[in-house]
Amino acid sequence: MGDRQVLIAIAITIVLVLGLVFSTRTPEASRGPELLWRDTPAEASGSLQI
């Protein structure tokens, strides 16, 4: 294989990988809600409450 063919093969591979990455990304609007962390109560004791 010549140098030109190797460079073309590398370029095609990079384009395919980038295409796959961007096609599988979920848009921001269709994502689920972000994780919501509950604030700890002010009167929390040292023991676990179940």
N, C-alpha and C. Protein backbone atom coordinates (compact mmCIF):
# COMPACT_ATOMS: atom_id res chain seq x y z
N MET A 1 0.85 -1.18 0.00
CA MET A 1 0.00 0.00 0.00
C MET A 1 0.89 1.24 0.00
N GLY A 2 0.45 2.21 -0.73
CA GLY A 2 1.21 3.44 -0.78
C GLY A 2 0.88 4.36 0.39
N ASP A 3 1.70 5.39 0.55
CA ASP A 3 1.48 6.33 1.65
C ASP A 3 0.13 7.02 1.52
N ARG A 4 -0.25 7.34 0.30
CA ARG A 4 -1.52 8.04 0.09
C ARG A 4 -2.70 7.16 0.52
N GLN A 5 -2.66 5.88 0.23
CA GLN A 5 -3.74 4.97 0.61
C GLN A 5 -3.82 4.82 2.13
N VAL A 6 -2.67 4.78 2.79
CA VAL A 6 -2.67 4.66 4.25
C VAL A 6 -3.27 5.90 4.87
N LEU A 7 -2.90 7.07 4.37
CA LEU A 7 -3.47 8.32 4.90
C LEU A 7 -4.97 8.41 4.66
N ILE A 8 -5.42 7.95 3.50
CA ILE A 8 -6.86 7.95 3.22
C ILE A 8 -7.58 6.98 4.15
N ALA A 9 -7.00 5.80 4.40
CA ALA A 9 -7.61 4.83 5.31
C ALA A 9 -7.69 5.39 6.72
N ILE A 10 -6.66 6.09 7.18
CA ILE A 10 -6.68 6.70 8.52
C ILE A 10 -7.74 7.79 8.58
N ALA A 11 -7.83 8.62 7.55
CA ALA A 11 -8.82 9.70 7.54
C ALA A 11 -10.24 9.13 7.55
N ILE A 12 -10.49 8.08 6.77
CA ILE A 12 -11.82 7.46 6.75
C ILE A 12 -12.15 6.86 8.11
N THR A 13 -11.17 6.24 8.75
CA THR A 13 -11.40 5.67 10.08
C THR A 13 -11.75 6.74 11.09
N ILE A 14 -11.05 7.85 11.07
CA ILE A 14 -11.33 8.94 12.01
C ILE A 14 -12.73 9.50 11.77
N VAL A 15 -13.09 9.68 10.50
CA VAL A 15 -14.43 10.20 10.19
C VAL A 15 -15.51 9.22 10.66
N LEU A 16 -15.30 7.93 10.47
CA LEU A 16 -16.28 6.94 10.92
C LEU A 16 -16.43 6.94 12.44
N VAL A 17 -15.30 7.01 13.14
CA VAL A 17 -15.36 7.02 14.61
C VAL A 17 -16.08 8.27 15.11
N LEU A 18 -15.74 9.42 14.55
CA LEU A 18 -16.42 10.65 14.97
C LEU A 18 -17.91 10.59 14.62
N GLY A 19 -18.24 10.03 13.48
CA GLY A 19 -19.65 9.88 13.12
C GLY A 19 -20.41 9.00 14.08
N LEU A 20 -19.79 7.90 14.50
CA LEU A 20 -20.44 7.02 15.47
C LEU A 20 -20.60 7.69 16.83
N VAL A 21 -19.59 8.43 17.25
CA VAL A 21 -19.66 9.11 18.55
C VAL A 21 -20.78 10.12 18.56
N PHE A 22 -20.87 10.94 17.53
CA PHE A 22 -21.88 11.99 17.52
C PHE A 22 -23.27 11.47 17.20
N SER A 23 -23.39 10.32 16.55
CA SER A 23 -24.71 9.77 16.27
C SER A 23 -25.30 9.07 17.48
N THR A 24 -24.46 8.62 18.41
CA THR A 24 -24.98 7.92 19.59
C THR A 24 -25.17 8.84 20.79
N ARG A 25 -24.73 10.09 20.68
CA ARG A 25 -24.94 11.03 21.79
C ARG A 25 -26.40 11.38 21.89
N THR A 26 -26.93 11.51 23.12
CA THR A 26 -28.31 11.92 23.30
C THR A 26 -28.35 13.44 23.38
N PRO A 27 -29.32 14.05 22.73
CA PRO A 27 -29.45 15.51 22.82
C PRO A 27 -29.77 15.94 24.24
N GLU A 28 -29.44 17.17 24.57
CA GLU A 28 -29.66 17.68 25.92
C GLU A 28 -31.14 17.65 26.31
N ALA A 29 -32.03 17.93 25.37
CA ALA A 29 -33.46 18.01 25.69
C ALA A 29 -34.06 16.65 26.02
N SER A 30 -33.55 15.56 25.43
CA SER A 30 -34.15 14.26 25.65
C SER A 30 -33.54 13.51 26.83
N ARG A 31 -32.58 14.11 27.49
CA ARG A 31 -31.99 13.47 28.67
C ARG A 31 -32.98 13.48 29.82
N GLY A 32 -32.81 12.55 30.72
CA GLY A 32 -33.65 12.51 31.90
C GLY A 32 -33.26 13.63 32.85
N PRO A 33 -34.02 13.77 33.91
CA PRO A 33 -33.69 14.84 34.87
C PRO A 33 -32.35 14.57 35.55
N GLU A 34 -31.69 15.62 35.91
CA GLU A 34 -30.42 15.50 36.61
C GLU A 34 -30.65 14.89 37.99
N LEU A 35 -29.60 14.38 38.58
CA LEU A 35 -29.73 13.83 39.93
C LEU A 35 -30.02 14.96 40.91
N LEU A 36 -31.02 14.76 41.72
CA LEU A 36 -31.38 15.76 42.72
C LEU A 36 -30.97 15.24 44.08
N TRP A 37 -30.08 15.95 44.74
CA TRP A 37 -29.60 15.53 46.04
C TRP A 37 -30.47 16.18 47.11
N ARG A 38 -30.89 15.34 48.05
CA ARG A 38 -31.72 15.84 49.13
C ARG A 38 -30.82 16.45 50.20
N ASP A 39 -31.18 17.63 50.69
CA ASP A 39 -30.41 18.26 51.75
C ASP A 39 -30.59 17.48 53.04
N THR A 40 -29.52 17.39 53.81
CA THR A 40 -29.62 16.71 55.09
C THR A 40 -30.32 17.61 56.09
N PRO A 41 -31.17 17.04 56.94
CA PRO A 41 -31.86 17.88 57.93
C PRO A 41 -30.88 18.50 58.92
N ALA A 42 -31.24 19.65 59.43
CA ALA A 42 -30.35 20.37 60.35
C ALA A 42 -30.19 19.63 61.67
N GLU A 43 -31.21 18.88 62.09
CA GLU A 43 -31.16 18.20 63.39
C GLU A 43 -30.74 16.74 63.23
N ALA A 44 -29.86 16.44 62.31
CA ALA A 44 -29.44 15.06 62.08
C ALA A 44 -28.56 14.60 63.25
N SER A 45 -28.89 13.42 63.74
CA SER A 45 -28.10 12.85 64.84
C SER A 45 -27.00 11.98 64.23
N GLY A 46 -26.16 11.41 65.07
CA GLY A 46 -25.06 10.60 64.59
C GLY A 46 -25.48 9.20 64.17
N SER A 47 -26.72 8.78 64.43
CA SER A 47 -27.14 7.42 64.10
C SER A 47 -27.86 7.41 62.75
N LEU A 48 -27.89 6.23 62.16
CA LEU A 48 -28.58 6.07 60.88
C LEU A 48 -30.08 5.94 61.14
N GLN A 49 -30.86 6.57 60.28
CA GLN A 49 -32.31 6.47 60.37
C GLN A 49 -32.82 5.74 59.15
N ILE A 50 -33.51 4.62 59.40
CA ILE A 50 -34.01 3.82 58.28
C ILE A 50 -35.51 3.94 58.22
